[in-house]
């Protein structure tokens, strides 16, 4: 297989990845009445992803520059998932750290524009991966410390967290290879597109599972607060 053929396959995979958001979107339309409050908020991700994917594709065709759409997607994803994790993380200190880290991350992205818009794209993606990986780990740790016997495979936010960790690890590894090997030109661009496409497909797979297995349960934080109030009252 020639490099030109491999490159064509990769860009076909990019298109598949972009259209794959339609699968969890269909699940959202079908089952959103069964969603709890955190999952309903998470469901907005499918619309955000579709909007920025379409905008980036059209902007690349007609304006020959889709960098601001890429940055916008990373910022929107951070803000949305920060709001989702704030609903499900029970420790007040963890939620406080989440808020501070989110503000700091947005500040870093804003400051990165001084290096140029292309660099700001890279910074926004790395910041998104690092921050959301931290949120995901916090939720996974909280789940491991639960006293109930519920299965993690039925927890939508647990599935989301696993998907986000895989996406973050793949993305950061790709950027690490770029820095260490100093790849330049179309070879790295194609390799980078392949990595991001596969990572996004995995994330969309876990996102779809999260929506499929969602139930109208009381959010964790509210349930804990309700239990504590009953104990105090008694």
Protein backbone atom coordinates (compact mmCIF):
# COMPACT_ATOMS: atom_id res chain seq x y z
CA UNK A 1 0.00 0.00 0.00
CA UNK A 2 1.38 3.39 -0.97
CA UNK A 3 1.41 6.35 1.37
CA UNK A 4 -1.18 8.09 -0.83
CA UNK A 5 -3.56 5.14 -0.42
CA UNK A 6 -2.96 5.04 3.33
CA UNK A 7 -3.60 8.78 3.55
CA UNK A 8 -6.88 8.40 1.63
CA UNK A 9 -8.01 5.67 4.05
CA UNK A 10 -7.16 7.85 7.05
CA UNK A 11 -9.15 10.82 5.79
CA UNK A 12 -12.04 8.49 5.02
CA UNK A 13 -11.79 7.36 8.66
CA UNK A 14 -11.90 10.99 9.77
CA UNK A 15 -15.19 11.41 7.93
CA UNK A 16 -16.56 8.24 9.55
CA UNK A 17 -15.53 9.57 12.96
CA UNK A 18 -17.28 12.88 12.38
CA UNK A 19 -20.51 11.19 11.25
CA UNK A 20 -20.34 8.64 14.10
CA UNK A 21 -21.79 11.24 16.47
CA UNK A 22 -25.14 10.54 14.78
CA UNK A 23 -25.28 7.16 16.57
CA UNK A 24 -25.34 8.50 20.16
CA UNK A 25 -27.54 11.35 18.91
CA UNK A 26 -30.13 8.81 17.75
CA UNK A 27 -29.95 7.07 21.14
CA UNK A 28 -30.51 10.42 22.87
CA UNK A 29 -33.62 11.10 20.80
CA UNK A 30 -34.92 7.60 21.49
CA UNK A 31 -34.31 7.36 25.24
CA UNK A 32 -33.88 10.81 26.74
CA UNK A 33 -37.08 10.51 28.80
CA UNK A 34 -35.26 7.84 30.85
CA UNK A 35 -32.22 10.01 31.60
CA UNK A 36 -31.25 11.31 35.02
CA UNK A 37 -30.27 14.98 35.37
CA UNK A 38 -26.50 14.44 34.78
CA UNK A 39 -27.13 12.29 31.69
CA UNK A 40 -29.61 14.83 30.31
CA UNK A 41 -26.91 17.46 30.61
CA UNK A 42 -24.39 15.10 29.01
CA UNK A 43 -26.78 14.59 26.08
CA UNK A 44 -26.02 18.14 24.94
CA UNK A 45 -22.60 16.83 23.91
CA UNK A 46 -24.02 15.22 20.77
CA UNK A 47 -25.34 18.57 19.55
CA UNK A 48 -22.15 20.43 20.44
CA UNK A 49 -20.03 17.81 18.66
CA UNK A 50 -22.26 17.84 15.57
CA UNK A 51 -22.25 21.64 15.39
CA UNK A 52 -18.48 22.00 15.65
CA UNK A 53 -17.80 19.07 13.31
CA UNK A 54 -20.04 20.55 10.64
CA UNK A 55 -18.68 24.04 11.23
CA UNK A 56 -15.06 22.85 11.04
CA UNK A 57 -15.71 20.94 7.81
CA UNK A 58 -17.48 23.86 6.12
CA UNK A 59 -14.95 26.37 7.39
CA UNK A 60 -12.08 24.26 6.03
CA UNK A 61 -13.76 24.13 2.62
CA UNK A 62 -14.89 27.73 2.22
CA UNK A 63 -12.55 29.68 4.51
CA UNK A 64 -9.52 27.33 4.38
CA UNK A 65 -9.20 27.69 8.16
CA UNK A 66 -11.14 25.79 10.81
CA UNK A 67 -8.84 26.47 13.77
CA UNK A 68 -11.34 28.53 15.76
CA UNK A 69 -13.92 25.76 15.48
CA UNK A 70 -11.38 23.28 16.86
CA UNK A 71 -10.61 25.54 19.80
CA UNK A 72 -14.30 26.21 20.35
CA UNK A 73 -15.06 22.49 20.51
CA UNK A 74 -12.36 21.86 23.10
CA UNK A 75 -13.59 24.72 25.29
CA UNK A 76 -17.25 23.70 24.95
CA UNK A 77 -16.43 20.10 25.85
CA UNK A 78 -14.54 21.20 28.95
CA UNK A 79 -17.40 23.43 30.14
CA UNK A 80 -20.08 20.82 29.49
CA UNK A 81 -18.31 17.89 31.14
CA UNK A 82 -17.23 20.07 34.05
CA UNK A 83 -20.93 20.77 34.64
CA UNK A 84 -21.76 17.06 34.35
CA UNK A 85 -19.07 15.97 36.82
CA UNK A 86 -20.10 18.70 39.24
CA UNK A 87 -23.49 17.00 39.49
CA UNK A 88 -22.10 13.54 40.24
CA UNK A 89 -19.00 14.18 42.35
CA UNK A 90 -20.05 14.05 46.00
CA UNK A 91 -17.04 15.49 47.86
CA UNK A 92 -17.31 19.31 48.28
CA UNK A 93 -13.52 19.66 48.10
CA UNK A 94 -13.42 17.75 44.80
CA UNK A 95 -16.11 20.01 43.31
CA UNK A 96 -14.17 23.07 44.50
CA UNK A 97 -10.99 21.77 42.84
CA UNK A 98 -13.01 21.06 39.69
CA UNK A 99 -14.19 24.67 39.51
CA UNK A 100 -10.72 26.13 40.11
CA UNK A 101 -9.09 23.77 37.62
CA UNK A 102 -11.67 24.64 34.96
CA UNK A 103 -11.07 28.37 35.38
CA UNK A 104 -7.30 27.83 35.30
CA UNK A 105 -7.59 25.73 32.14
CA UNK A 106 -9.61 28.41 30.37
CA UNK A 107 -7.00 30.96 31.41
CA UNK A 108 -4.22 28.84 29.92
CA UNK A 109 -6.10 28.50 26.64
CA UNK A 110 -6.74 32.26 26.51
CA UNK A 111 -3.05 32.98 27.17
CA UNK A 112 -1.97 30.54 24.46
CA UNK A 113 -3.39 32.83 21.76
CA UNK A 114 -0.27 34.94 22.28
CA UNK A 115 1.66 32.07 20.64
CA UNK A 116 -0.61 32.06 17.60
CA UNK A 117 -3.89 30.36 16.76
CA UNK A 118 -2.31 27.05 15.59
CA UNK A 119 -0.53 26.72 18.94
CA UNK A 120 -3.74 27.61 20.74
CA UNK A 121 -5.43 24.64 19.04
CA UNK A 122 -2.78 22.30 20.42
CA UNK A 123 -2.91 23.85 23.88
CA UNK A 124 -6.71 23.70 24.02
CA UNK A 125 -6.73 20.02 23.06
CA UNK A 126 -4.01 19.07 25.56
CA UNK A 127 -5.67 21.10 28.32
CA UNK A 128 -9.01 19.47 27.54
CA UNK A 129 -7.49 15.99 27.74
CA UNK A 130 -5.56 16.64 30.96
CA UNK A 131 -8.45 18.33 32.76
CA UNK A 132 -11.15 15.86 31.76
CA UNK A 133 -8.88 12.91 32.51
CA UNK A 134 -8.56 14.31 36.03
CA UNK A 135 -12.35 14.59 36.36
CA UNK A 136 -12.75 11.05 35.06
CA UNK A 137 -10.22 9.66 37.53
CA UNK A 138 -11.94 11.46 40.40
CA UNK A 139 -15.26 9.86 39.47
CA UNK A 140 -13.72 6.41 38.99
CA UNK A 141 -12.14 6.67 42.45
CA UNK A 142 -15.47 7.73 43.91
CA UNK A 143 -17.11 4.71 42.29
CA UNK A 144 -14.53 2.32 43.70
CA UNK A 145 -15.23 3.66 47.18
CA UNK A 146 -18.98 3.11 46.94
CA UNK A 147 -20.57 0.75 49.44
CA UNK A 148 -23.40 -0.39 47.16
CA UNK A 149 -23.07 -3.40 44.89
CA UNK A 150 -24.12 -1.74 41.66
CA UNK A 151 -22.29 -2.75 38.50
CA UNK A 152 -20.05 -0.16 36.93
CA UNK A 153 -21.14 -1.26 33.45
CA UNK A 154 -24.57 0.19 34.20
CA UNK A 155 -23.27 3.58 35.35
CA UNK A 156 -23.39 6.07 32.43
CA UNK A 157 -20.84 8.47 33.95
CA UNK A 158 -18.49 5.58 34.68
CA UNK A 159 -18.65 4.56 31.01
CA UNK A 160 -18.13 8.18 29.97
CA UNK A 161 -15.09 8.39 32.23
CA UNK A 162 -13.52 5.25 30.75
CA UNK A 163 -14.04 6.59 27.24
CA UNK A 164 -12.56 9.97 28.19
CA UNK A 165 -9.47 8.35 29.72
CA UNK A 166 -8.81 6.34 26.56
CA UNK A 167 -9.30 9.45 24.43
CA UNK A 168 -7.01 11.53 26.63
CA UNK A 169 -4.27 8.89 26.73
CA UNK A 170 -4.29 8.48 22.94
CA UNK A 171 -4.28 12.22 22.29
CA UNK A 172 -1.49 13.03 24.73
CA UNK A 173 0.58 10.10 23.43
CA UNK A 174 0.24 11.47 19.90
CA UNK A 175 1.48 14.88 20.95
CA UNK A 176 4.34 13.27 22.90
CA UNK A 177 5.48 11.45 19.76
CA UNK A 178 5.37 14.74 17.87
CA UNK A 179 7.56 16.48 20.44
CA UNK A 180 10.08 13.65 20.91
CA UNK A 181 10.55 12.76 17.25
CA UNK A 182 10.01 16.24 15.83
CA UNK A 183 7.78 14.86 13.07
CA UNK A 184 6.78 17.44 10.51
CA UNK A 185 4.76 17.57 7.34
CA UNK A 186 2.11 15.30 5.91
CA UNK A 187 3.42 12.10 7.55
CA UNK A 188 2.72 13.32 11.07
CA UNK A 189 -0.48 15.06 10.02
CA UNK A 190 -1.80 11.75 8.70
CA UNK A 191 -0.64 9.83 11.77
CA UNK A 192 -2.18 12.47 14.01
CA UNK A 193 -5.50 12.31 12.14
CA UNK A 194 -5.50 8.52 12.46
CA UNK A 195 -4.89 8.65 16.21
CA UNK A 196 -7.51 11.29 16.89
CA UNK A 197 -10.07 9.52 14.73
CA UNK A 198 -9.61 6.19 16.50
CA UNK A 199 -9.67 7.87 19.92
CA UNK A 200 -12.85 9.77 19.04
CA UNK A 201 -14.53 6.61 17.74
CA UNK A 202 -13.74 4.86 21.03
CA UNK A 203 -15.09 7.84 22.98
CA UNK A 204 -18.29 7.89 20.92
CA UNK A 205 -18.68 4.15 21.51
CA UNK A 206 -18.55 4.56 25.29
CA UNK A 207 -20.80 7.63 25.03
CA UNK A 208 -23.38 5.55 23.15
CA UNK A 209 -23.18 2.83 25.82
CA UNK A 210 -23.67 5.49 28.50
CA UNK A 211 -26.90 6.68 26.89
CA UNK A 212 -28.12 3.14 26.23
CA UNK A 213 -27.65 2.12 29.86
CA UNK A 214 -28.94 5.33 31.42
CA UNK A 215 -31.81 5.10 33.89
CA UNK A 216 -33.76 7.85 35.67
CA UNK A 217 -31.91 7.28 38.95
CA UNK A 218 -31.47 10.05 41.48
CA UNK A 219 -28.08 11.73 40.90
CA UNK A 220 -25.44 10.53 43.35
CA UNK A 221 -24.92 13.88 45.03
CA UNK A 222 -28.64 14.45 45.60
CA UNK A 223 -29.12 10.91 46.88
CA UNK A 224 -26.33 11.29 49.43
CA UNK A 225 -27.72 14.62 50.59
CA UNK A 226 -31.20 13.11 50.95
CA UNK A 227 -29.86 10.20 53.01
CA UNK A 228 -27.89 12.50 55.28
CA UNK A 229 -30.93 14.74 55.86
CA UNK A 230 -33.03 11.72 56.88
CA UNK A 231 -30.35 10.63 59.35
CA UNK A 232 -30.22 14.08 60.91
CA UNK A 233 -34.01 14.25 61.13
CA UNK A 234 -34.17 10.88 62.87
